[in-house]
């Protein structure tokens, strides 16, 4: 929500050529996945990648982002940022 309430709202006003998506892997607890799917339906800016969230699988998430950019968004440029603390 912090991103949606900060820079994302200005990006939507200034440029129709920019698409913001949040890529999220599945959680080990089904209750979390149920809530995530509700958020997907409500906001429409989340893409769930079909595997469990784990650091060793971060490369698969990057591949999913690239596939989405090419196949769904038909874009030439991608910006990826993480919200993980250092």
PDB file of N, CA and C in Angstrom:
ATOM      1  N   UNK A   1       0.815  -1.195   0.000  1.00  0.00           N
ATOM      2  CA  UNK A   1       0.000   0.000   0.000  1.00  0.00           C
ATOM      3  C   UNK A   1       0.858   1.258   0.000  1.00  0.00           C
ATOM      4  N   UNK A   2       2.041   1.159   0.598  1.00  0.00           N
ATOM      5  CA  UNK A   2       2.920   2.330   0.630  1.00  0.00           C
ATOM      6  C   UNK A   2       3.274   2.794  -0.782  1.00  0.00           C
ATOM      7  N   UNK A   3       3.538   1.859  -1.662  1.00  0.00           N
ATOM      8  CA  UNK A   3       3.865   2.216  -3.048  1.00  0.00           C
ATOM      9  C   UNK A   3       2.639   2.800  -3.750  1.00  0.00           C
ATOM     10  N   UNK A   4       1.497   2.185  -3.552  1.00  0.00           N
ATOM     11  CA  UNK A   4       0.274   2.687  -4.189  1.00  0.00           C
ATOM     12  C   UNK A   4      -0.058   4.105  -3.729  1.00  0.00           C
ATOM     13  N   UNK A   5       0.231   4.412  -2.474  1.00  0.00           N
ATOM     14  CA  UNK A   5      -0.105   5.725  -1.924  1.00  0.00           C
ATOM     15  C   UNK A   5       0.997   6.762  -2.155  1.00  0.00           C
ATOM     16  N   UNK A   6       2.158   6.338  -2.616  1.00  0.00           N
ATOM     17  CA  UNK A   6       3.242   7.301  -2.843  1.00  0.00           C
ATOM     18  C   UNK A   6       3.498   7.469  -4.336  1.00  0.00           C
ATOM     19  N   UNK A   7       4.625   7.008  -4.835  1.00  0.00           N
ATOM     20  CA  UNK A   7       5.024   7.318  -6.212  1.00  0.00           C
ATOM     21  C   UNK A   7       4.107   6.722  -7.267  1.00  0.00           C
ATOM     22  N   UNK A   8       3.430   5.630  -6.954  1.00  0.00           N
ATOM     23  CA  UNK A   8       2.582   4.996  -7.966  1.00  0.00           C
ATOM     24  C   UNK A   8       1.411   5.895  -8.367  1.00  0.00           C
ATOM     25  N   UNK A   9       0.841   6.632  -7.436  1.00  0.00           N
ATOM     26  CA  UNK A   9      -0.295   7.495  -7.784  1.00  0.00           C
ATOM     27  C   UNK A   9       0.124   8.601  -8.742  1.00  0.00           C
ATOM     28  N   UNK A  10       1.341   9.096  -8.625  1.00  0.00           N
ATOM     29  CA  UNK A  10       1.824  10.130  -9.540  1.00  0.00           C
ATOM     30  C   UNK A  10       2.182   9.546 -10.895  1.00  0.00           C
ATOM     31  N   UNK A  11       2.687   8.335 -10.887  1.00  0.00           N
ATOM     32  CA  UNK A  11       3.019   7.651 -12.137  1.00  0.00           C
ATOM     33  C   UNK A  11       1.763   7.433 -12.974  1.00  0.00           C
ATOM     34  N   UNK A  12       0.669   7.100 -12.346  1.00  0.00           N
ATOM     35  CA  UNK A  12      -0.577   6.849 -13.069  1.00  0.00           C
ATOM     36  C   UNK A  12      -1.128   8.129 -13.690  1.00  0.00           C
ATOM     37  N   UNK A  13      -0.932   9.257 -13.026  1.00  0.00           N
ATOM     38  CA  UNK A  13      -1.431  10.533 -13.536  1.00  0.00           C
ATOM     39  C   UNK A  13      -0.588  11.022 -14.705  1.00  0.00           C
ATOM     40  N   UNK A  14       0.728  10.902 -14.600  1.00  0.00           N
ATOM     41  CA  UNK A  14       1.625  11.508 -15.577  1.00  0.00           C
ATOM     42  C   UNK A  14       1.857  10.672 -16.830  1.00  0.00           C
ATOM     43  N   UNK A  15       1.723   9.361 -16.747  1.00  0.00           N
ATOM     44  CA  UNK A  15       2.078   8.549 -17.906  1.00  0.00           C
ATOM     45  C   UNK A  15       1.149   7.361 -18.056  1.00  0.00           C
ATOM     46  N   UNK A  16       0.564   7.243 -19.217  1.00  0.00           N
ATOM     47  CA  UNK A  16      -0.247   6.062 -19.499  1.00  0.00           C
ATOM     48  C   UNK A  16       0.604   4.963 -20.120  1.00  0.00           C
ATOM     49  N   UNK A  17       1.889   5.239 -20.318  1.00  0.00           N
ATOM     50  CA  UNK A  17       2.790   4.254 -20.911  1.00  0.00           C
ATOM     51  C   UNK A  17       3.490   3.383 -19.874  1.00  0.00           C
ATOM     52  N   UNK A  18       3.207   3.610 -18.595  1.00  0.00           N
ATOM     53  CA  UNK A  18       3.870   2.870 -17.525  1.00  0.00           C
ATOM     54  C   UNK A  18       2.865   1.942 -16.866  1.00  0.00           C
ATOM     55  N   UNK A  19       3.277   0.707 -16.643  1.00  0.00           N
ATOM     56  CA  UNK A  19       2.437  -0.278 -15.970  1.00  0.00           C
ATOM     57  C   UNK A  19       3.175  -0.730 -14.715  1.00  0.00           C
ATOM     58  N   UNK A  20       2.505  -0.673 -13.584  1.00  0.00           N
ATOM     59  CA  UNK A  20       3.094  -1.136 -12.325  1.00  0.00           C
ATOM     60  C   UNK A  20       2.434  -2.440 -11.927  1.00  0.00           C
ATOM     61  N   UNK A  21       3.249  -3.430 -11.662  1.00  0.00           N
ATOM     62  CA  UNK A  21       2.752  -4.730 -11.216  1.00  0.00           C
ATOM     63  C   UNK A  21       3.586  -5.206 -10.039  1.00  0.00           C
ATOM     64  N   UNK A  22       2.926  -5.894  -9.117  1.00  0.00           N
ATOM     65  CA  UNK A  22       3.593  -6.508  -7.972  1.00  0.00           C
ATOM     66  C   UNK A  22       3.602  -8.013  -8.193  1.00  0.00           C
ATOM     67  N   UNK A  23       4.768  -8.605  -8.199  1.00  0.00           N
ATOM     68  CA  UNK A  23       4.908 -10.052  -8.402  1.00  0.00           C
ATOM     69  C   UNK A  23       5.127 -10.710  -7.047  1.00  0.00           C
ATOM     70  N   UNK A  24       4.217 -11.620  -6.701  1.00  0.00           N
ATOM     71  CA  UNK A  24       4.237 -12.242  -5.388  1.00  0.00           C
ATOM     72  C   UNK A  24       4.153 -13.756  -5.566  1.00  0.00           C
ATOM     73  N   UNK A  25       5.014 -14.463  -4.846  1.00  0.00           N
ATOM     74  CA  UNK A  25       4.967 -15.929  -4.847  1.00  0.00           C
ATOM     75  C   UNK A  25       3.994 -16.402  -3.769  1.00  0.00           C
ATOM     76  N   UNK A  26       3.603 -17.642  -3.866  1.00  0.00           N
ATOM     77  CA  UNK A  26       2.657 -18.215  -2.915  1.00  0.00           C
ATOM     78  C   UNK A  26       3.295 -18.374  -1.528  1.00  0.00           C
ATOM     79  N   UNK A  27       2.468 -18.314  -0.511  1.00  0.00           N
ATOM     80  CA  UNK A  27       2.917 -18.465   0.874  1.00  0.00           C
ATOM     81  C   UNK A  27       2.657 -19.896   1.323  1.00  0.00           C
ATOM     82  N   UNK A  28       3.407 -20.351   2.294  1.00  0.00           N
ATOM     83  CA  UNK A  28       3.220 -21.728   2.778  1.00  0.00           C
ATOM     84  C   UNK A  28       1.898 -21.900   3.527  1.00  0.00           C
ATOM     85  N   UNK A  29       1.357 -20.806   4.065  1.00  0.00           N
ATOM     86  CA  UNK A  29       0.065 -20.872   4.759  1.00  0.00           C
ATOM     87  C   UNK A  29      -1.051 -20.492   3.797  1.00  0.00           C
ATOM     88  N   UNK A  30      -2.002 -21.387   3.624  1.00  0.00           N
ATOM     89  CA  UNK A  30      -3.091 -21.180   2.675  1.00  0.00           C
ATOM     90  C   UNK A  30      -3.913 -19.937   3.011  1.00  0.00           C
ATOM     91  N   UNK A  31      -4.057 -19.629   4.298  1.00  0.00           N
ATOM     92  CA  UNK A  31      -4.831 -18.453   4.706  1.00  0.00           C
ATOM     93  C   UNK A  31      -4.234 -17.174   4.104  1.00  0.00           C
ATOM     94  N   UNK A  32      -2.927 -17.095   4.055  1.00  0.00           N
ATOM     95  CA  UNK A  32      -2.251 -15.932   3.471  1.00  0.00           C
ATOM     96  C   UNK A  32      -2.546 -15.869   1.976  1.00  0.00           C
ATOM     97  N   UNK A  33      -2.530 -17.016   1.298  1.00  0.00           N
ATOM     98  CA  UNK A  33      -2.812 -17.062  -0.143  1.00  0.00           C
ATOM     99  C   UNK A  33      -4.248 -16.643  -0.451  1.00  0.00           C
ATOM    100  N   UNK A  34      -5.182 -17.009   0.418  1.00  0.00           N
ATOM    101  CA  UNK A  34      -6.576 -16.610   0.236  1.00  0.00           C
ATOM    102  C   UNK A  34      -6.691 -15.086   0.309  1.00  0.00           C
ATOM    103  N   UNK A  35      -6.033 -14.475   1.296  1.00  0.00           N
ATOM    104  CA  UNK A  35      -6.047 -13.019   1.423  1.00  0.00           C
ATOM    105  C   UNK A  35      -5.355 -12.352   0.234  1.00  0.00           C
ATOM    106  N   UNK A  36      -4.270 -12.954  -0.232  1.00  0.00           N
ATOM    107  CA  UNK A  36      -3.552 -12.429  -1.391  1.00  0.00           C
ATOM    108  C   UNK A  36      -4.448 -12.420  -2.624  1.00  0.00           C
ATOM    109  N   UNK A  37      -5.193 -13.488  -2.831  1.00  0.00           N
ATOM    110  CA  UNK A  37      -6.084 -13.562  -3.987  1.00  0.00           C
ATOM    111  C   UNK A  37      -7.196 -12.515  -3.914  1.00  0.00           C
ATOM    112  N   UNK A  38      -7.650 -12.199  -2.702  1.00  0.00           N
ATOM    113  CA  UNK A  38      -8.637 -11.125  -2.544  1.00  0.00           C
ATOM    114  C   UNK A  38      -8.027  -9.783  -2.954  1.00  0.00           C
ATOM    115  N   UNK A  39      -6.770  -9.574  -2.571  1.00  0.00           N
ATOM    116  CA  UNK A  39      -6.085  -8.333  -2.939  1.00  0.00           C
ATOM    117  C   UNK A  39      -5.866  -8.255  -4.448  1.00  0.00           C
ATOM    118  N   UNK A  40      -5.567  -9.393  -5.070  1.00  0.00           N
ATOM    119  CA  UNK A  40      -5.425  -9.444  -6.532  1.00  0.00           C
ATOM    120  C   UNK A  40      -6.715  -8.981  -7.196  1.00  0.00           C
ATOM    121  N   UNK A  41      -7.830  -9.512  -6.743  1.00  0.00           N
ATOM    122  CA  UNK A  41      -9.121  -9.158  -7.336  1.00  0.00           C
ATOM    123  C   UNK A  41      -9.473  -7.689  -7.088  1.00  0.00           C
ATOM    124  N   UNK A  42      -9.138  -7.176  -5.920  1.00  0.00           N
ATOM    125  CA  UNK A  42      -9.506  -5.807  -5.573  1.00  0.00           C
ATOM    126  C   UNK A  42      -8.666  -4.780  -6.332  1.00  0.00           C
ATOM    127  N   UNK A  43      -7.341  -4.957  -6.342  1.00  0.00           N
ATOM    128  CA  UNK A  43      -6.457  -3.950  -6.928  1.00  0.00           C
ATOM    129  C   UNK A  43      -6.127  -4.215  -8.399  1.00  0.00           C
ATOM    130  N   UNK A  44      -6.025  -5.470  -8.796  1.00  0.00           N
ATOM    131  CA  UNK A  44      -5.726  -5.790 -10.190  1.00  0.00           C
ATOM    132  C   UNK A  44      -4.300  -5.494 -10.629  1.00  0.00           C
ATOM    133  N   UNK A  45      -3.406  -5.244  -9.678  1.00  0.00           N
ATOM    134  CA  UNK A  45      -2.025  -4.928 -10.048  1.00  0.00           C
ATOM    135  C   UNK A  45      -1.018  -5.938  -9.496  1.00  0.00           C
ATOM    136  N   UNK A  46      -1.506  -7.094  -9.078  1.00  0.00           N
ATOM    137  CA  UNK A  46      -0.651  -8.137  -8.509  1.00  0.00           C
ATOM    138  C   UNK A  46      -0.659  -9.338  -9.433  1.00  0.00           C
ATOM    139  N   UNK A  47       0.522  -9.896  -9.653  1.00  0.00           N
ATOM    140  CA  UNK A  47       0.666 -11.130 -10.420  1.00  0.00           C
ATOM    141  C   UNK A  47       1.214 -12.181  -9.462  1.00  0.00           C
ATOM    142  N   UNK A  48       0.483 -13.273  -9.300  1.00  0.00           N
ATOM    143  CA  UNK A  48       0.945 -14.351  -8.435  1.00  0.00           C
ATOM    144  C   UNK A  48       1.741 -15.339  -9.281  1.00  0.00           C
ATOM    145  N   UNK A  49       2.985 -15.564  -8.884  1.00  0.00           N
ATOM    146  CA  UNK A  49       3.801 -16.558  -9.589  1.00  0.00           C
ATOM    147  C   UNK A  49       3.536 -17.918  -8.948  1.00  0.00           C
ATOM    148  N   UNK A  50       3.452 -18.980  -9.756  1.00  0.00           N
ATOM    149  CA  UNK A  50       2.929 -20.268  -9.282  1.00  0.00           C
ATOM    150  C   UNK A  50       3.936 -21.174  -8.570  1.00  0.00           C
ATOM    151  N   UNK A  51       4.604 -20.651  -7.559  1.00  0.00           N
ATOM    152  CA  UNK A  51       5.478 -21.476  -6.726  1.00  0.00           C
ATOM    153  C   UNK A  51       5.598 -20.818  -5.371  1.00  0.00           C
ATOM    154  N   UNK A  52       6.127 -21.565  -4.424  1.00  0.00           N
ATOM    155  CA  UNK A  52       6.247 -21.060  -3.055  1.00  0.00           C
ATOM    156  C   UNK A  52       7.345 -20.000  -2.974  1.00  0.00           C
ATOM    157  N   UNK A  53       7.125 -19.033  -2.108  1.00  0.00           N
ATOM    158  CA  UNK A  53       8.091 -17.961  -1.916  1.00  0.00           C
ATOM    159  C   UNK A  53       9.299 -18.476  -1.141  1.00  0.00           C
ATOM    160  N   UNK A  54      10.445 -18.402  -1.769  1.00  0.00           N
ATOM    161  CA  UNK A  54      11.692 -18.843  -1.140  1.00  0.00           C
ATOM    162  C   UNK A  54      12.843 -18.136  -1.839  1.00  0.00           C
ATOM    163  N   UNK A  55      13.835 -17.753  -1.075  1.00  0.00           N
ATOM    164  CA  UNK A  55      14.956 -16.999  -1.633  1.00  0.00           C
ATOM    165  C   UNK A  55      15.645 -17.736  -2.771  1.00  0.00           C
ATOM    166  N   UNK A  56      15.753 -19.055  -2.662  1.00  0.00           N
ATOM    167  CA  UNK A  56      16.423 -19.839  -3.705  1.00  0.00           C
ATOM    168  C   UNK A  56      15.676 -19.802  -5.037  1.00  0.00           C
ATOM    169  N   UNK A  57      14.426 -19.380  -5.017  1.00  0.00           N
ATOM    170  CA  UNK A  57      13.614 -19.343  -6.241  1.00  0.00           C
ATOM    171  C   UNK A  57      13.466 -17.939  -6.813  1.00  0.00           C
ATOM    172  N   UNK A  58      14.274 -16.999  -6.320  1.00  0.00           N
ATOM    173  CA  UNK A  58      14.164 -15.619  -6.781  1.00  0.00           C
ATOM    174  C   UNK A  58      14.418 -15.499  -8.286  1.00  0.00           C
ATOM    175  N   UNK A  59      15.248 -16.348  -8.829  1.00  0.00           N
ATOM    176  CA  UNK A  59      15.513 -16.321 -10.271  1.00  0.00           C
ATOM    177  C   UNK A  59      14.237 -16.638 -11.054  1.00  0.00           C
ATOM    178  N   UNK A  60      13.428 -17.553 -10.539  1.00  0.00           N
ATOM    179  CA  UNK A  60      12.171 -17.880 -11.216  1.00  0.00           C
ATOM    180  C   UNK A  60      11.228 -16.681 -11.234  1.00  0.00           C
ATOM    181  N   UNK A  61      11.244 -15.888 -10.165  1.00  0.00           N
ATOM    182  CA  UNK A  61      10.403 -14.698 -10.127  1.00  0.00           C
ATOM    183  C   UNK A  61      10.866 -13.687 -11.182  1.00  0.00           C
ATOM    184  N   UNK A  62      12.171 -13.549 -11.338  1.00  0.00           N
ATOM    185  CA  UNK A  62      12.705 -12.632 -12.353  1.00  0.00           C
ATOM    186  C   UNK A  62      12.319 -13.103 -13.750  1.00  0.00           C
ATOM    187  N   UNK A  63      12.379 -14.397 -13.990  1.00  0.00           N
ATOM    188  CA  UNK A  63      11.951 -14.950 -15.279  1.00  0.00           C
ATOM    189  C   UNK A  63      10.469 -14.662 -15.503  1.00  0.00           C
ATOM    190  N   UNK A  64       9.653 -14.826 -14.466  1.00  0.00           N
ATOM    191  CA  UNK A  64       8.219 -14.549 -14.583  1.00  0.00           C
ATOM    192  C   UNK A  64       7.961 -13.083 -14.910  1.00  0.00           C
ATOM    193  N   UNK A  65       8.741 -12.195 -14.308  1.00  0.00           N
ATOM    194  CA  UNK A  65       8.604 -10.766 -14.596  1.00  0.00           C
ATOM    195  C   UNK A  65       8.934 -10.483 -16.057  1.00  0.00           C
ATOM    196  N   UNK A  66      10.009 -11.075 -16.550  1.00  0.00           N
ATOM    197  CA  UNK A  66      10.403 -10.873 -17.954  1.00  0.00           C
ATOM    198  C   UNK A  66       9.365 -11.445 -18.909  1.00  0.00           C
ATOM    199  N   UNK A  67       8.866 -12.628 -18.606  1.00  0.00           N
ATOM    200  CA  UNK A  67       7.828 -13.228 -19.452  1.00  0.00           C
ATOM    201  C   UNK A  67       6.580 -12.347 -19.481  1.00  0.00           C
ATOM    202  N   UNK A  68       6.180 -11.825 -18.341  1.00  0.00           N
ATOM    203  CA  UNK A  68       5.020 -10.943 -18.276  1.00  0.00           C
ATOM    204  C   UNK A  68       5.254  -9.693 -19.120  1.00  0.00           C
ATOM    205  N   UNK A  69       6.432  -9.117 -18.975  1.00  0.00           N
ATOM    206  CA  UNK A  69       6.753  -7.887 -19.708  1.00  0.00           C
ATOM    207  C   UNK A  69       6.677  -8.097 -21.211  1.00  0.00           C
ATOM    208  N   UNK A  70       7.178  -9.217 -21.679  1.00  0.00           N
ATOM    209  CA  UNK A  70       7.212  -9.487 -23.119  1.00  0.00           C
ATOM    210  C   UNK A  70       5.863  -9.989 -23.639  1.00  0.00           C
ATOM    211  N   UNK A  71       5.268 -10.939 -22.934  1.00  0.00           N
ATOM    212  CA  UNK A  71       4.067 -11.613 -23.447  1.00  0.00           C
ATOM    213  C   UNK A  71       2.756 -10.900 -23.119  1.00  0.00           C
ATOM    214  N   UNK A  72       2.679 -10.250 -21.965  1.00  0.00           N
ATOM    215  CA  UNK A  72       1.419  -9.637 -21.548  1.00  0.00           C
ATOM    216  C   UNK A  72       1.453  -8.119 -21.747  1.00  0.00           C
ATOM    217  N   UNK A  73       2.503  -7.477 -21.236  1.00  0.00           N
ATOM    218  CA  UNK A  73       2.577  -6.019 -21.315  1.00  0.00           C
ATOM    219  C   UNK A  73       3.187  -5.526 -22.621  1.00  0.00           C
ATOM    220  N   UNK A  74       3.785  -6.401 -23.373  1.00  0.00           N
ATOM    221  CA  UNK A  74       4.419  -6.048 -24.652  1.00  0.00           C
ATOM    222  C   UNK A  74       5.328  -4.828 -24.520  1.00  0.00           C
ATOM    223  N   UNK A  75       6.236  -4.904 -23.581  1.00  0.00           N
ATOM    224  CA  UNK A  75       7.115  -3.775 -23.329  1.00  0.00           C
ATOM    225  C   UNK A  75       8.556  -4.089 -23.695  1.00  0.00           C
ATOM    226  N   UNK A  76       9.322  -3.052 -23.919  1.00  0.00           N
ATOM    227  CA  UNK A  76      10.742  -3.207 -24.207  1.00  0.00           C
ATOM    228  C   UNK A  76      11.592  -2.931 -22.973  1.00  0.00           C
ATOM    229  N   UNK A  77      11.031  -2.237 -21.988  1.00  0.00           N
ATOM    230  CA  UNK A  77      11.787  -1.834 -20.802  1.00  0.00           C
ATOM    231  C   UNK A  77      11.129  -2.353 -19.538  1.00  0.00           C
ATOM    232  N   UNK A  78      11.967  -2.740 -18.580  1.00  0.00           N
ATOM    233  CA  UNK A  78      11.492  -3.251 -17.293  1.00  0.00           C
ATOM    234  C   UNK A  78      12.295  -2.571 -16.188  1.00  0.00           C
ATOM    235  N   UNK A  79      11.604  -2.169 -15.133  1.00  0.00           N
ATOM    236  CA  UNK A  79      12.291  -1.728 -13.926  1.00  0.00           C
ATOM    237  C   UNK A  79      11.836  -2.651 -12.806  1.00  0.00           C
ATOM    238  N   UNK A  80      12.789  -3.284 -12.145  1.00  0.00           N
ATOM    239  CA  UNK A  80      12.463  -4.180 -11.038  1.00  0.00           C
ATOM    240  C   UNK A  80      13.006  -3.587  -9.757  1.00  0.00           C
ATOM    241  N   UNK A  81      12.181  -3.529  -8.729  1.00  0.00           N
ATOM    242  CA  UNK A  81      12.674  -3.098  -7.417  1.00  0.00           C
ATOM    243  C   UNK A  81      12.100  -4.014  -6.348  1.00  0.00           C
ATOM    244  N   UNK A  82      12.872  -4.177  -5.304  1.00  0.00           N
ATOM    245  CA  UNK A  82      12.466  -5.036  -4.183  1.00  0.00           C
ATOM    246  C   UNK A  82      12.139  -4.181  -2.974  1.00  0.00           C
ATOM    247  N   UNK A  83      11.296  -4.732  -2.115  1.00  0.00           N
ATOM    248  CA  UNK A  83      10.982  -4.050  -0.863  1.00  0.00           C
ATOM    249  C   UNK A  83      11.636  -4.737   0.322  1.00  0.00           C
ATOM    250  N   UNK A  84      12.509  -5.701   0.047  1.00  0.00           N
ATOM    251  CA  UNK A  84      13.181  -6.415   1.124  1.00  0.00           C
ATOM    252  C   UNK A  84      14.144  -5.501   1.860  1.00  0.00           C
ATOM    253  N   UNK A  85      14.173  -5.611   3.193  1.00  0.00           N
ATOM    254  CA  UNK A  85      15.173  -4.834   3.935  1.00  0.00           C
ATOM    255  C   UNK A  85      16.564  -5.402   3.680  1.00  0.00           C
ATOM    256  N   UNK A  86      17.548  -4.577   3.831  1.00  0.00           N
ATOM    257  CA  UNK A  86      18.932  -5.012   3.614  1.00  0.00           C
ATOM    258  C   UNK A  86      19.387  -5.980   4.661  1.00  0.00           C
TER     259      UNK A  86
END
